[in-house]
């Protein structure tokens, strides 16, 4: 069976990445692409790398244009997808790549986003541990046959996948978590912003949203609570670096006293041993962001800092693939009963 697909927000980076992956997916046919200010233009004029979709024309993002499809992917600014979703058929699989349906807490939404609260959908991180300490459940169980999926924030899923195994196994503490991330500017979207101009970022590294203000913090805490964390505290500092796409996240947490290094590593090995897209590197190896470009993989390096009593997890991910569009399509595969890996690349692009 071929599923008819619409992509809203097709002129942006996330929308373009969705289309790039969907164009090679054997079970999906992209029939409709929508935009706001770019409506009326040929898709290929806005996304010139998508040559196989040159026959498509961008239309307005309306419920009417999104109706009649089996699957709708939304790649819209926060607040915009929530306005549309209530008007889409309940039998349509809707995958929101924006923030509108990620958070379970209305107070967290008010504190970090503001505006109307639209409620949480099934969270699109299949490998995420859920069910609390000692549980072997994963989020993919909640994606089977669902018709509403919230794709993750790229930074949030990177940190959550980095640390959830230690929380679930009871080998790290959930207080005093520290994450520092080097991130590419594509995560900020395609809109023209002075701080994202090449003249501003080339040859420079710039922290932003410092001091607990980043919108992905409550999403990280929510995910870690699902793995068993009690009142997790996360010091989260992203740093903009001059690479178009990618995240290299270094996360540290206190090791539960009396836990040896072998037991710590065993928690991550057990959590991800059978995962096709989450790879724990051999002891002593650390990932590079370049090794995940274009791939739906997250690479993890783990070390134990015995002197500090902390675990250090370094994660590399392509923010537009496994961080957004790849996670969305992976989750859609599960919801539709397709093999989870269908249409998704395991290998990155090098150099």
C-alpha atoms as a PDB file:
ATOM      1  CA  UNK A   1       0.000   0.000   0.000  1.00  0.00           C
ATOM      2  CA  UNK A   2       1.182   3.496  -0.823  1.00  0.00           C
ATOM      3  CA  UNK A   3       0.304   6.229   1.668  1.00  0.00           C
ATOM      4  CA  UNK A   4      -0.612   9.683   0.360  1.00  0.00           C
ATOM      5  CA  UNK A   5       1.414  12.355   2.178  1.00  0.00           C
ATOM      6  CA  UNK A   6       1.154  16.110   2.679  1.00  0.00           C
ATOM      7  CA  UNK A   7       3.951  18.241   4.158  1.00  0.00           C
ATOM      8  CA  UNK A   8       3.054  21.603   5.677  1.00  0.00           C
ATOM      9  CA  UNK A   9       5.872  24.108   6.002  1.00  0.00           C
ATOM     10  CA  UNK A  10       7.676  22.538   3.060  1.00  0.00           C
ATOM     11  CA  UNK A  11       9.809  25.609   2.316  1.00  0.00           C
ATOM     12  CA  UNK A  12      11.763  25.471   5.611  1.00  0.00           C
ATOM     13  CA  UNK A  13      14.743  23.374   6.680  1.00  0.00           C
ATOM     14  CA  UNK A  14      12.707  20.774   8.571  1.00  0.00           C
ATOM     15  CA  UNK A  15      10.144  20.595   5.785  1.00  0.00           C
ATOM     16  CA  UNK A  16      12.886  20.211   3.192  1.00  0.00           C
ATOM     17  CA  UNK A  17      14.505  17.409   5.164  1.00  0.00           C
ATOM     18  CA  UNK A  18      11.178  15.620   5.520  1.00  0.00           C
ATOM     19  CA  UNK A  19      10.750  15.816   1.751  1.00  0.00           C
ATOM     20  CA  UNK A  20      14.294  14.626   1.043  1.00  0.00           C
ATOM     21  CA  UNK A  21      13.733  11.483   3.103  1.00  0.00           C
ATOM     22  CA  UNK A  22      10.142  10.950   1.948  1.00  0.00           C
ATOM     23  CA  UNK A  23      11.194  11.161  -1.698  1.00  0.00           C
ATOM     24  CA  UNK A  24      13.159   7.930  -1.211  1.00  0.00           C
ATOM     25  CA  UNK A  25      10.599   6.157   0.975  1.00  0.00           C
ATOM     26  CA  UNK A  26       9.040   3.190  -0.872  1.00  0.00           C
ATOM     27  CA  UNK A  27       5.670   3.412   0.894  1.00  0.00           C
ATOM     28  CA  UNK A  28       5.039   7.172   0.919  1.00  0.00           C
ATOM     29  CA  UNK A  29       3.980   9.390  -1.995  1.00  0.00           C
ATOM     30  CA  UNK A  30       4.221  13.136  -1.447  1.00  0.00           C
ATOM     31  CA  UNK A  31       1.185  14.684  -3.117  1.00  0.00           C
ATOM     32  CA  UNK A  32       0.836  18.080  -1.451  1.00  0.00           C
ATOM     33  CA  UNK A  33       3.342  20.626  -0.153  1.00  0.00           C
ATOM     34  CA  UNK A  34       2.296  23.812   1.603  1.00  0.00           C
ATOM     35  CA  UNK A  35       3.887  27.074   2.669  1.00  0.00           C
ATOM     36  CA  UNK A  36       2.985  30.567   3.796  1.00  0.00           C
ATOM     37  CA  UNK A  37       4.861  33.373   2.056  1.00  0.00           C
ATOM     38  CA  UNK A  38       6.231  30.989  -0.605  1.00  0.00           C
ATOM     39  CA  UNK A  39       2.834  29.636  -1.653  1.00  0.00           C
ATOM     40  CA  UNK A  40       2.407  29.685  -5.410  1.00  0.00           C
ATOM     41  CA  UNK A  41       6.057  28.929  -6.161  1.00  0.00           C
ATOM     42  CA  UNK A  42       7.413  25.690  -7.525  1.00  0.00           C
ATOM     43  CA  UNK A  43       8.882  23.602  -4.732  1.00  0.00           C
ATOM     44  CA  UNK A  44      12.157  23.188  -6.605  1.00  0.00           C
ATOM     45  CA  UNK A  45      12.600  26.966  -6.752  1.00  0.00           C
ATOM     46  CA  UNK A  46      12.575  27.096  -2.950  1.00  0.00           C
ATOM     47  CA  UNK A  47      14.246  23.719  -2.293  1.00  0.00           C
ATOM     48  CA  UNK A  48      16.523  23.358  -5.351  1.00  0.00           C
ATOM     49  CA  UNK A  49      18.130  20.165  -4.044  1.00  0.00           C
ATOM     50  CA  UNK A  50      14.824  18.265  -4.296  1.00  0.00           C
ATOM     51  CA  UNK A  51      14.964  17.542  -8.015  1.00  0.00           C
ATOM     52  CA  UNK A  52      12.742  14.470  -7.899  1.00  0.00           C
ATOM     53  CA  UNK A  53       9.898  16.595  -6.510  1.00  0.00           C
ATOM     54  CA  UNK A  54      10.163  19.346  -9.132  1.00  0.00           C
ATOM     55  CA  UNK A  55       6.588  18.650 -10.257  1.00  0.00           C
ATOM     56  CA  UNK A  56       5.126  19.942  -6.972  1.00  0.00           C
ATOM     57  CA  UNK A  57       3.846  23.488  -6.401  1.00  0.00           C
ATOM     58  CA  UNK A  58       3.580  25.028  -2.940  1.00  0.00           C
ATOM     59  CA  UNK A  59       0.019  25.826  -1.887  1.00  0.00           C
ATOM     60  CA  UNK A  60      -1.391  27.655   1.122  1.00  0.00           C
ATOM     61  CA  UNK A  61      -1.295  25.899   4.483  1.00  0.00           C
ATOM     62  CA  UNK A  62      -5.001  25.338   5.114  1.00  0.00           C
ATOM     63  CA  UNK A  63      -7.003  22.424   6.537  1.00  0.00           C
ATOM     64  CA  UNK A  64      -8.652  22.031   3.150  1.00  0.00           C
ATOM     65  CA  UNK A  65      -5.323  21.548   1.354  1.00  0.00           C
ATOM     66  CA  UNK A  66      -4.148  19.065   3.987  1.00  0.00           C
ATOM     67  CA  UNK A  67      -7.374  17.035   3.910  1.00  0.00           C
ATOM     68  CA  UNK A  68      -7.651  13.745   2.026  1.00  0.00           C
ATOM     69  CA  UNK A  69      -4.169  12.426   2.818  1.00  0.00           C
ATOM     70  CA  UNK A  70      -3.208   9.343   4.805  1.00  0.00           C
ATOM     71  CA  UNK A  71      -0.303  11.110   6.515  1.00  0.00           C
ATOM     72  CA  UNK A  72       0.271  14.807   7.245  1.00  0.00           C
ATOM     73  CA  UNK A  73       3.631  16.086   8.459  1.00  0.00           C
ATOM     74  CA  UNK A  74       3.649  19.563  10.009  1.00  0.00           C
ATOM     75  CA  UNK A  75       6.882  21.588  10.010  1.00  0.00           C
ATOM     76  CA  UNK A  76       5.524  24.883  11.276  1.00  0.00           C
ATOM     77  CA  UNK A  77       6.515  27.463  13.910  1.00  0.00           C
ATOM     78  CA  UNK A  78       5.184  26.799  17.401  1.00  0.00           C
ATOM     79  CA  UNK A  79       1.594  27.904  17.779  1.00  0.00           C
ATOM     80  CA  UNK A  80       0.801  27.372  14.101  1.00  0.00           C
ATOM     81  CA  UNK A  81       0.355  23.611  13.932  1.00  0.00           C
ATOM     82  CA  UNK A  82      -1.889  23.577  16.997  1.00  0.00           C
ATOM     83  CA  UNK A  83      -4.304  25.866  15.163  1.00  0.00           C
ATOM     84  CA  UNK A  84      -4.642  23.300  12.357  1.00  0.00           C
ATOM     85  CA  UNK A  85      -4.606  19.923  14.051  1.00  0.00           C
ATOM     86  CA  UNK A  86      -8.100  20.046  15.525  1.00  0.00           C
ATOM     87  CA  UNK A  87      -9.435  20.514  11.990  1.00  0.00           C
ATOM     88  CA  UNK A  88      -7.743  17.398  10.554  1.00  0.00           C
ATOM     89  CA  UNK A  89      -9.498  14.045  10.299  1.00  0.00           C
ATOM     90  CA  UNK A  90      -9.057  11.831  13.351  1.00  0.00           C
ATOM     91  CA  UNK A  91      -8.147   8.873  11.109  1.00  0.00           C
ATOM     92  CA  UNK A  92      -5.290  10.768   9.446  1.00  0.00           C
ATOM     93  CA  UNK A  93      -1.831  10.151  10.872  1.00  0.00           C
ATOM     94  CA  UNK A  94      -0.587  13.618  11.838  1.00  0.00           C
ATOM     95  CA  UNK A  95       3.057  14.102  12.821  1.00  0.00           C
ATOM     96  CA  UNK A  96       3.950  17.503  14.255  1.00  0.00           C
ATOM     97  CA  UNK A  97       7.623  18.458  13.966  1.00  0.00           C
ATOM     98  CA  UNK A  98       6.967  21.641  15.936  1.00  0.00           C
ATOM     99  CA  UNK A  99       6.646  22.092  19.680  1.00  0.00           C
ATOM    100  CA  UNK A 100       2.873  22.399  20.030  1.00  0.00           C
ATOM    101  CA  UNK A 101       2.170  18.848  21.197  1.00  0.00           C
ATOM    102  CA  UNK A 102       5.372  17.811  23.024  1.00  0.00           C
ATOM    103  CA  UNK A 103       4.766  19.020  26.567  1.00  0.00           C
ATOM    104  CA  UNK A 104       2.382  17.341  28.981  1.00  0.00           C
ATOM    105  CA  UNK A 105       2.427  20.229  31.457  1.00  0.00           C
ATOM    106  CA  UNK A 106       0.383  23.312  30.639  1.00  0.00           C
ATOM    107  CA  UNK A 107       2.395  25.311  33.189  1.00  0.00           C
ATOM    108  CA  UNK A 108       5.650  24.355  31.436  1.00  0.00           C
ATOM    109  CA  UNK A 109       4.146  25.459  28.138  1.00  0.00           C
ATOM    110  CA  UNK A 110       3.103  28.788  29.627  1.00  0.00           C
ATOM    111  CA  UNK A 111       6.534  29.342  31.178  1.00  0.00           C
ATOM    112  CA  UNK A 112       8.651  28.495  28.129  1.00  0.00           C
ATOM    113  CA  UNK A 113       6.406  29.153  25.106  1.00  0.00           C
ATOM    114  CA  UNK A 114       3.215  30.987  26.013  1.00  0.00           C
ATOM    115  CA  UNK A 115      -0.030  31.175  24.083  1.00  0.00           C
ATOM    116  CA  UNK A 116      -2.650  28.475  23.678  1.00  0.00           C
ATOM    117  CA  UNK A 117      -1.872  25.014  25.064  1.00  0.00           C
ATOM    118  CA  UNK A 118      -2.859  22.197  22.718  1.00  0.00           C
ATOM    119  CA  UNK A 119      -2.059  19.097  24.787  1.00  0.00           C
ATOM    120  CA  UNK A 120       0.526  16.334  24.419  1.00  0.00           C
ATOM    121  CA  UNK A 121       0.622  13.675  21.702  1.00  0.00           C
ATOM    122  CA  UNK A 122       2.581  10.422  21.541  1.00  0.00           C
ATOM    123  CA  UNK A 123       6.245  11.431  21.752  1.00  0.00           C
ATOM    124  CA  UNK A 124       8.216  10.500  18.643  1.00  0.00           C
ATOM    125  CA  UNK A 125      11.394   9.048  20.165  1.00  0.00           C
ATOM    126  CA  UNK A 126      10.934   5.269  19.807  1.00  0.00           C
ATOM    127  CA  UNK A 127      14.110   4.330  21.695  1.00  0.00           C
ATOM    128  CA  UNK A 128      13.354   6.410  24.773  1.00  0.00           C
ATOM    129  CA  UNK A 129      13.052   4.403  27.981  1.00  0.00           C
ATOM    130  CA  UNK A 130       9.747   4.809  29.817  1.00  0.00           C
ATOM    131  CA  UNK A 131       7.979   3.217  32.759  1.00  0.00           C
ATOM    132  CA  UNK A 132      10.386   4.250  35.509  1.00  0.00           C
ATOM    133  CA  UNK A 133      13.391   2.660  37.170  1.00  0.00           C
ATOM    134  CA  UNK A 134      13.709  -1.040  36.394  1.00  0.00           C
ATOM    135  CA  UNK A 135      11.263  -0.967  33.484  1.00  0.00           C
ATOM    136  CA  UNK A 136      12.199  -2.334  30.068  1.00  0.00           C
ATOM    137  CA  UNK A 137       9.497  -0.414  28.214  1.00  0.00           C
ATOM    138  CA  UNK A 138      10.279   1.979  25.405  1.00  0.00           C
ATOM    139  CA  UNK A 139       8.340   4.761  23.773  1.00  0.00           C
ATOM    140  CA  UNK A 140       7.832   2.801  20.526  1.00  0.00           C
ATOM    141  CA  UNK A 141       5.123   0.783  22.299  1.00  0.00           C
ATOM    142  CA  UNK A 142       3.045   3.958  22.566  1.00  0.00           C
ATOM    143  CA  UNK A 143       3.495   4.759  18.875  1.00  0.00           C
ATOM    144  CA  UNK A 144       1.888   1.598  17.522  1.00  0.00           C
ATOM    145  CA  UNK A 145      -1.343   2.516  15.688  1.00  0.00           C
ATOM    146  CA  UNK A 146      -1.439   6.044  17.153  1.00  0.00           C
ATOM    147  CA  UNK A 147      -2.711   8.782  14.857  1.00  0.00           C
ATOM    148  CA  UNK A 148      -1.106  11.763  16.570  1.00  0.00           C
ATOM    149  CA  UNK A 149       2.679  12.033  17.037  1.00  0.00           C
ATOM    150  CA  UNK A 150       4.823  14.876  18.392  1.00  0.00           C
ATOM    151  CA  UNK A 151       8.298  14.712  16.873  1.00  0.00           C
ATOM    152  CA  UNK A 152      10.974  15.735  19.399  1.00  0.00           C
ATOM    153  CA  UNK A 153      13.017  18.844  19.860  1.00  0.00           C
ATOM    154  CA  UNK A 154      16.438  17.959  18.470  1.00  0.00           C
ATOM    155  CA  UNK A 155      18.389  19.084  21.542  1.00  0.00           C
ATOM    156  CA  UNK A 156      15.878  17.495  23.898  1.00  0.00           C
ATOM    157  CA  UNK A 157      15.948  14.038  22.337  1.00  0.00           C
ATOM    158  CA  UNK A 158      19.746  14.123  22.142  1.00  0.00           C
ATOM    159  CA  UNK A 159      20.118  14.777  25.869  1.00  0.00           C
ATOM    160  CA  UNK A 160      17.295  12.418  26.851  1.00  0.00           C
ATOM    161  CA  UNK A 161      18.733   9.511  24.862  1.00  0.00           C
ATOM    162  CA  UNK A 162      22.146  10.297  26.325  1.00  0.00           C
ATOM    163  CA  UNK A 163      21.063   9.951  29.942  1.00  0.00           C
ATOM    164  CA  UNK A 164      17.847   7.913  30.166  1.00  0.00           C
ATOM    165  CA  UNK A 165      19.651   4.533  30.413  1.00  0.00           C
ATOM    166  CA  UNK A 166      21.513   5.643  33.527  1.00  0.00           C
ATOM    167  CA  UNK A 167      18.316   6.960  35.123  1.00  0.00           C
ATOM    168  CA  UNK A 168      16.315   3.832  34.275  1.00  0.00           C
ATOM    169  CA  UNK A 169      19.042   1.537  35.608  1.00  0.00           C
ATOM    170  CA  UNK A 170      19.434   3.561  38.800  1.00  0.00           C
ATOM    171  CA  UNK A 171      23.158   4.190  38.297  1.00  0.00           C
ATOM    172  CA  UNK A 172      23.093   7.995  37.957  1.00  0.00           C
ATOM    173  CA  UNK A 173      21.366  10.713  39.934  1.00  0.00           C
ATOM    174  CA  UNK A 174      18.778  12.966  38.331  1.00  0.00           C
ATOM    175  CA  UNK A 175      19.852  16.115  40.186  1.00  0.00           C
ATOM    176  CA  UNK A 176      22.777  18.218  38.957  1.00  0.00           C
ATOM    177  CA  UNK A 177      22.685  17.106  35.314  1.00  0.00           C
ATOM    178  CA  UNK A 178      24.806  19.364  33.100  1.00  0.00           C
ATOM    179  CA  UNK A 179      24.592  19.442  29.293  1.00  0.00           C
ATOM    180  CA  UNK A 180      26.581  21.662  26.943  1.00  0.00           C
ATOM    181  CA  UNK A 181      25.802  21.390  23.253  1.00  0.00           C
ATOM    182  CA  UNK A 182      27.537  22.570  20.095  1.00  0.00           C
ATOM    183  CA  UNK A 183      24.723  23.096  17.584  1.00  0.00           C
ATOM    184  CA  UNK A 184      24.445  24.119  13.948  1.00  0.00           C
ATOM    185  CA  UNK A 185      22.246  27.097  12.973  1.00  0.00           C
ATOM    186  CA  UNK A 186      19.819  25.055  10.843  1.00  0.00           C
ATOM    187  CA  UNK A 187      18.094  24.149  14.107  1.00  0.00           C
ATOM    188  CA  UNK A 188      16.938  27.764  14.361  1.00  0.00           C
ATOM    189  CA  UNK A 189      14.999  27.566  11.090  1.00  0.00           C
ATOM    190  CA  UNK A 190      15.274  29.311   7.758  1.00  0.00           C
ATOM    191  CA  UNK A 191      13.979  32.760   8.687  1.00  0.00           C
ATOM    192  CA  UNK A 192      16.468  35.589   8.213  1.00  0.00           C
ATOM    193  CA  UNK A 193      18.092  36.463  11.547  1.00  0.00           C
ATOM    194  CA  UNK A 194      21.147  38.651  12.013  1.00  0.00           C
ATOM    195  CA  UNK A 195      22.829  36.340  14.533  1.00  0.00           C
ATOM    196  CA  UNK A 196      22.644  33.470  12.020  1.00  0.00           C
ATOM    197  CA  UNK A 197      24.298  35.284   9.130  1.00  0.00           C
ATOM    198  CA  UNK A 198      27.541  33.743   7.913  1.00  0.00           C
ATOM    199  CA  UNK A 199      29.432  36.916   8.821  1.00  0.00           C
ATOM    200  CA  UNK A 200      28.255  36.494  12.421  1.00  0.00           C
ATOM    201  CA  UNK A 201      28.890  32.774  12.963  1.00  0.00           C
ATOM    202  CA  UNK A 202      31.903  31.894  10.822  1.00  0.00           C
ATOM    203  CA  UNK A 203      35.012  31.649  12.968  1.00  0.00           C
ATOM    204  CA  UNK A 204      32.991  32.031  16.168  1.00  0.00           C
ATOM    205  CA  UNK A 205      31.168  30.057  18.844  1.00  0.00           C
ATOM    206  CA  UNK A 206      28.260  31.814  20.567  1.00  0.00           C
ATOM    207  CA  UNK A 207      26.251  30.591  23.557  1.00  0.00           C
ATOM    208  CA  UNK A 208      22.555  31.395  23.641  1.00  0.00           C
ATOM    209  CA  UNK A 209      19.527  30.779  25.890  1.00  0.00           C
ATOM    210  CA  UNK A 210      21.899  30.616  28.861  1.00  0.00           C
ATOM    211  CA  UNK A 211      20.751  30.270  32.457  1.00  0.00           C
ATOM    212  CA  UNK A 212      17.830  27.857  32.184  1.00  0.00           C
ATOM    213  CA  UNK A 213      15.844  29.695  29.509  1.00  0.00           C
ATOM    214  CA  UNK A 214      16.016  27.261  26.582  1.00  0.00           C
ATOM    215  CA  UNK A 215      12.633  25.877  25.565  1.00  0.00           C
ATOM    216  CA  UNK A 216      13.868  22.294  25.369  1.00  0.00           C
ATOM    217  CA  UNK A 217      14.605  22.094  29.109  1.00  0.00           C
ATOM    218  CA  UNK A 218      11.085  21.051  30.218  1.00  0.00           C
ATOM    219  CA  UNK A 219      10.999  18.524  27.370  1.00  0.00           C
ATOM    220  CA  UNK A 220      14.253  16.965  28.618  1.00  0.00           C
ATOM    221  CA  UNK A 221      12.939  16.849  32.182  1.00  0.00           C
ATOM    222  CA  UNK A 222       9.685  15.277  31.012  1.00  0.00           C
ATOM    223  CA  UNK A 223      11.563  12.548  29.144  1.00  0.00           C
ATOM    224  CA  UNK A 224      13.863  11.823  32.083  1.00  0.00           C
ATOM    225  CA  UNK A 225      10.908  11.627  34.464  1.00  0.00           C
ATOM    226  CA  UNK A 226       9.468   8.992  32.163  1.00  0.00           C
ATOM    227  CA  UNK A 227      12.665   6.990  32.621  1.00  0.00           C
ATOM    228  CA  UNK A 228      12.344   7.248  36.395  1.00  0.00           C
ATOM    229  CA  UNK A 229      13.932  10.556  37.388  1.00  0.00           C
ATOM    230  CA  UNK A 230      12.561  12.318  40.462  1.00  0.00           C
ATOM    231  CA  UNK A 231      12.598  16.099  40.157  1.00  0.00           C
ATOM    232  CA  UNK A 232      15.455  16.193  37.601  1.00  0.00           C
ATOM    233  CA  UNK A 233      17.476  19.385  37.401  1.00  0.00           C
ATOM    234  CA  UNK A 234      19.221  20.178  34.124  1.00  0.00           C
ATOM    235  CA  UNK A 235      21.749  22.931  33.496  1.00  0.00           C
ATOM    236  CA  UNK A 236      21.514  23.243  29.709  1.00  0.00           C
ATOM    237  CA  UNK A 237      23.750  25.484  27.604  1.00  0.00           C
ATOM    238  CA  UNK A 238      23.648  25.425  23.793  1.00  0.00           C
ATOM    239  CA  UNK A 239      26.470  26.989  21.803  1.00  0.00           C
ATOM    240  CA  UNK A 240      26.030  28.018  18.182  1.00  0.00           C
ATOM    241  CA  UNK A 241      28.963  26.827  16.048  1.00  0.00           C
ATOM    242  CA  UNK A 242      29.772  27.263  12.337  1.00  0.00           C
ATOM    243  CA  UNK A 243      28.466  23.962  10.938  1.00  0.00           C
ATOM    244  CA  UNK A 244      25.245  23.973   8.932  1.00  0.00           C
ATOM    245  CA  UNK A 245      23.755  20.979  10.693  1.00  0.00           C
ATOM    246  CA  UNK A 246      24.583  18.749  13.600  1.00  0.00           C
ATOM    247  CA  UNK A 247      24.700  18.573  17.389  1.00  0.00           C
ATOM    248  CA  UNK A 248      27.553  17.442  19.623  1.00  0.00           C
ATOM    249  CA  UNK A 249      26.155  17.229  23.151  1.00  0.00           C
ATOM    250  CA  UNK A 250      28.276  16.599  26.240  1.00  0.00           C
ATOM    251  CA  UNK A 251      26.114  15.581  29.185  1.00  0.00           C
ATOM    252  CA  UNK A 252      27.338  14.703  32.661  1.00  0.00           C
ATOM    253  CA  UNK A 253      25.579  13.368  35.759  1.00  0.00           C
ATOM    254  CA  UNK A 254      26.595  12.223  39.220  1.00  0.00           C
ATOM    255  CA  UNK A 255      27.091   8.482  39.582  1.00  0.00           C
ATOM    256  CA  UNK A 256      25.174   6.833  42.423  1.00  0.00           C
ATOM    257  CA  UNK A 257      27.789   6.208  45.159  1.00  0.00           C
ATOM    258  CA  UNK A 258      29.150   2.686  45.190  1.00  0.00           C
ATOM    259  CA  UNK A 259      28.468   2.070  41.479  1.00  0.00           C
ATOM    260  CA  UNK A 260      31.496   0.887  39.517  1.00  0.00           C
ATOM    261  CA  UNK A 261      32.383   1.857  35.963  1.00  0.00           C
ATOM    262  CA  UNK A 262      31.472  -1.544  34.507  1.00  0.00           C
ATOM    263  CA  UNK A 263      27.961  -1.328  35.938  1.00  0.00           C
ATOM    264  CA  UNK A 264      27.535   2.177  34.567  1.00  0.00           C
ATOM    265  CA  UNK A 265      28.516   1.157  31.046  1.00  0.00           C
ATOM    266  CA  UNK A 266      26.377  -1.974  31.225  1.00  0.00           C
ATOM    267  CA  UNK A 267      23.263   0.198  31.640  1.00  0.00           C
ATOM    268  CA  UNK A 268      23.796   1.882  28.266  1.00  0.00           C
ATOM    269  CA  UNK A 269      24.799  -1.362  26.578  1.00  0.00           C
ATOM    270  CA  UNK A 270      21.608  -3.064  27.745  1.00  0.00           C
ATOM    271  CA  UNK A 271      19.393  -0.152  26.735  1.00  0.00           C
ATOM    272  CA  UNK A 272      20.631   0.187  23.168  1.00  0.00           C
ATOM    273  CA  UNK A 273      22.038  -3.235  22.232  1.00  0.00           C
ATOM    274  CA  UNK A 274      19.295  -3.953  19.691  1.00  0.00           C
ATOM    275  CA  UNK A 275      18.541  -0.447  18.490  1.00  0.00           C
ATOM    276  CA  UNK A 276      19.153   0.137  14.768  1.00  0.00           C
ATOM    277  CA  UNK A 277      19.745   3.869  15.087  1.00  0.00           C
ATOM    278  CA  UNK A 278      21.277   4.377  18.548  1.00  0.00           C
ATOM    279  CA  UNK A 279      24.893   3.221  18.679  1.00  0.00           C
ATOM    280  CA  UNK A 280      27.065   3.124  21.786  1.00  0.00           C
ATOM    281  CA  UNK A 281      30.684   3.333  20.670  1.00  0.00           C
ATOM    282  CA  UNK A 282      33.364   1.055  22.135  1.00  0.00           C
ATOM    283  CA  UNK A 283      35.023   2.183  25.353  1.00  0.00           C
ATOM    284  CA  UNK A 284      37.550   4.935  24.696  1.00  0.00           C
ATOM    285  CA  UNK A 285      35.890   6.167  21.487  1.00  0.00           C
ATOM    286  CA  UNK A 286      34.000   9.430  21.153  1.00  0.00           C
ATOM    287  CA  UNK A 287      31.743  10.481  18.258  1.00  0.00           C
ATOM    288  CA  UNK A 288      32.055  13.354  15.820  1.00  0.00           C
ATOM    289  CA  UNK A 289      29.077  15.311  14.552  1.00  0.00           C
ATOM    290  CA  UNK A 290      30.328  14.879  10.976  1.00  0.00           C
ATOM    291  CA  UNK A 291      29.791  11.119  11.167  1.00  0.00           C
ATOM    292  CA  UNK A 292      26.021  11.506  11.475  1.00  0.00           C
ATOM    293  CA  UNK A 293      25.348  14.018   8.691  1.00  0.00           C
ATOM    294  CA  UNK A 294      22.420  12.804   6.595  1.00  0.00           C
ATOM    295  CA  UNK A 295      21.857   9.725   8.769  1.00  0.00           C
ATOM    296  CA  UNK A 296      19.111   8.768  11.186  1.00  0.00           C
ATOM    297  CA  UNK A 297      21.720   7.656  13.720  1.00  0.00           C
ATOM    298  CA  UNK A 298      22.796   8.963  17.092  1.00  0.00           C
ATOM    299  CA  UNK A 299      26.311   8.004  18.171  1.00  0.00           C
ATOM    300  CA  UNK A 300      27.148   7.884  21.875  1.00  0.00           C
ATOM    301  CA  UNK A 301      30.523   7.874  23.592  1.00  0.00           C
ATOM    302  CA  UNK A 302      30.602   7.102  27.315  1.00  0.00           C
ATOM    303  CA  UNK A 303      33.294   7.695  29.906  1.00  0.00           C
ATOM    304  CA  UNK A 304      33.413   7.545  33.694  1.00  0.00           C
ATOM    305  CA  UNK A 305      35.203  10.416  35.428  1.00  0.00           C
ATOM    306  CA  UNK A 306      36.077   8.591  38.635  1.00  0.00           C
ATOM    307  CA  UNK A 307      37.727  11.591  40.265  1.00  0.00           C
ATOM    308  CA  UNK A 308      34.592  13.711  39.824  1.00  0.00           C
ATOM    309  CA  UNK A 309      32.191  10.844  40.417  1.00  0.00           C
ATOM    310  CA  UNK A 310      30.369  11.566  37.173  1.00  0.00           C
ATOM    311  CA  UNK A 311      29.438   9.832  33.957  1.00  0.00           C
ATOM    312  CA  UNK A 312      30.199  11.733  30.749  1.00  0.00           C
ATOM    313  CA  UNK A 313      28.113  10.986  27.657  1.00  0.00           C
ATOM    314  CA  UNK A 314      29.010  12.607  24.342  1.00  0.00           C
ATOM    315  CA  UNK A 315      26.288  12.363  21.690  1.00  0.00           C
ATOM    316  CA  UNK A 316      26.476  13.215  17.993  1.00  0.00           C
ATOM    317  CA  UNK A 317      23.373  13.626  15.878  1.00  0.00           C
ATOM    318  CA  UNK A 318      22.141  15.317  12.718  1.00  0.00           C
ATOM    319  CA  UNK A 319      19.580  17.751  14.107  1.00  0.00           C
ATOM    320  CA  UNK A 320      17.539  17.724  10.894  1.00  0.00           C
ATOM    321  CA  UNK A 321      17.427  13.918  10.554  1.00  0.00           C
ATOM    322  CA  UNK A 322      17.402  11.905  13.785  1.00  0.00           C
ATOM    323  CA  UNK A 323      16.729  15.151  15.631  1.00  0.00           C
ATOM    324  CA  UNK A 324      13.610  16.027  13.611  1.00  0.00           C
ATOM    325  CA  UNK A 325      12.549  14.662  10.224  1.00  0.00           C
ATOM    326  CA  UNK A 326      14.081  11.201  10.588  1.00  0.00           C
ATOM    327  CA  UNK A 327      12.510  10.742  14.023  1.00  0.00           C
ATOM    328  CA  UNK A 328       9.171  11.846  12.586  1.00  0.00           C
ATOM    329  CA  UNK A 329       9.312   9.348   9.723  1.00  0.00           C
ATOM    330  CA  UNK A 330      10.658   6.557  11.958  1.00  0.00           C
ATOM    331  CA  UNK A 331       7.712   7.111  14.300  1.00  0.00           C
ATOM    332  CA  UNK A 332       5.262   7.232  11.383  1.00  0.00           C
ATOM    333  CA  UNK A 333       6.603   3.887  10.153  1.00  0.00           C
ATOM    334  CA  UNK A 334       5.823   2.360  13.542  1.00  0.00           C
ATOM    335  CA  UNK A 335       2.343   3.885  13.711  1.00  0.00           C
ATOM    336  CA  UNK A 336       1.474   2.521  10.269  1.00  0.00           C
ATOM    337  CA  UNK A 337       2.858  -0.960  10.902  1.00  0.00           C
ATOM    338  CA  UNK A 338       5.787  -0.573   8.496  1.00  0.00           C
ATOM    339  CA  UNK A 339       9.314  -1.792   9.288  1.00  0.00           C
ATOM    340  CA  UNK A 340      10.748   0.908  11.522  1.00  0.00           C
ATOM    341  CA  UNK A 341      13.862   1.471   9.421  1.00  0.00           C
ATOM    342  CA  UNK A 342      12.047   1.892   6.081  1.00  0.00           C
ATOM    343  CA  UNK A 343      13.377   4.792   4.021  1.00  0.00           C
ATOM    344  CA  UNK A 344      15.900   5.875   6.672  1.00  0.00           C
ATOM    345  CA  UNK A 345      19.653   6.044   6.185  1.00  0.00           C
ATOM    346  CA  UNK A 346      21.990   4.389   8.659  1.00  0.00           C
ATOM    347  CA  UNK A 347      25.130   5.749   6.992  1.00  0.00           C
ATOM    348  CA  UNK A 348      26.246   9.357   7.100  1.00  0.00           C
ATOM    349  CA  UNK A 349      27.847  11.455   4.362  1.00  0.00           C
ATOM    350  CA  UNK A 350      31.602  12.030   4.356  1.00  0.00           C
ATOM    351  CA  UNK A 351      33.611  14.142   4.045  1.00  0.00           C
END
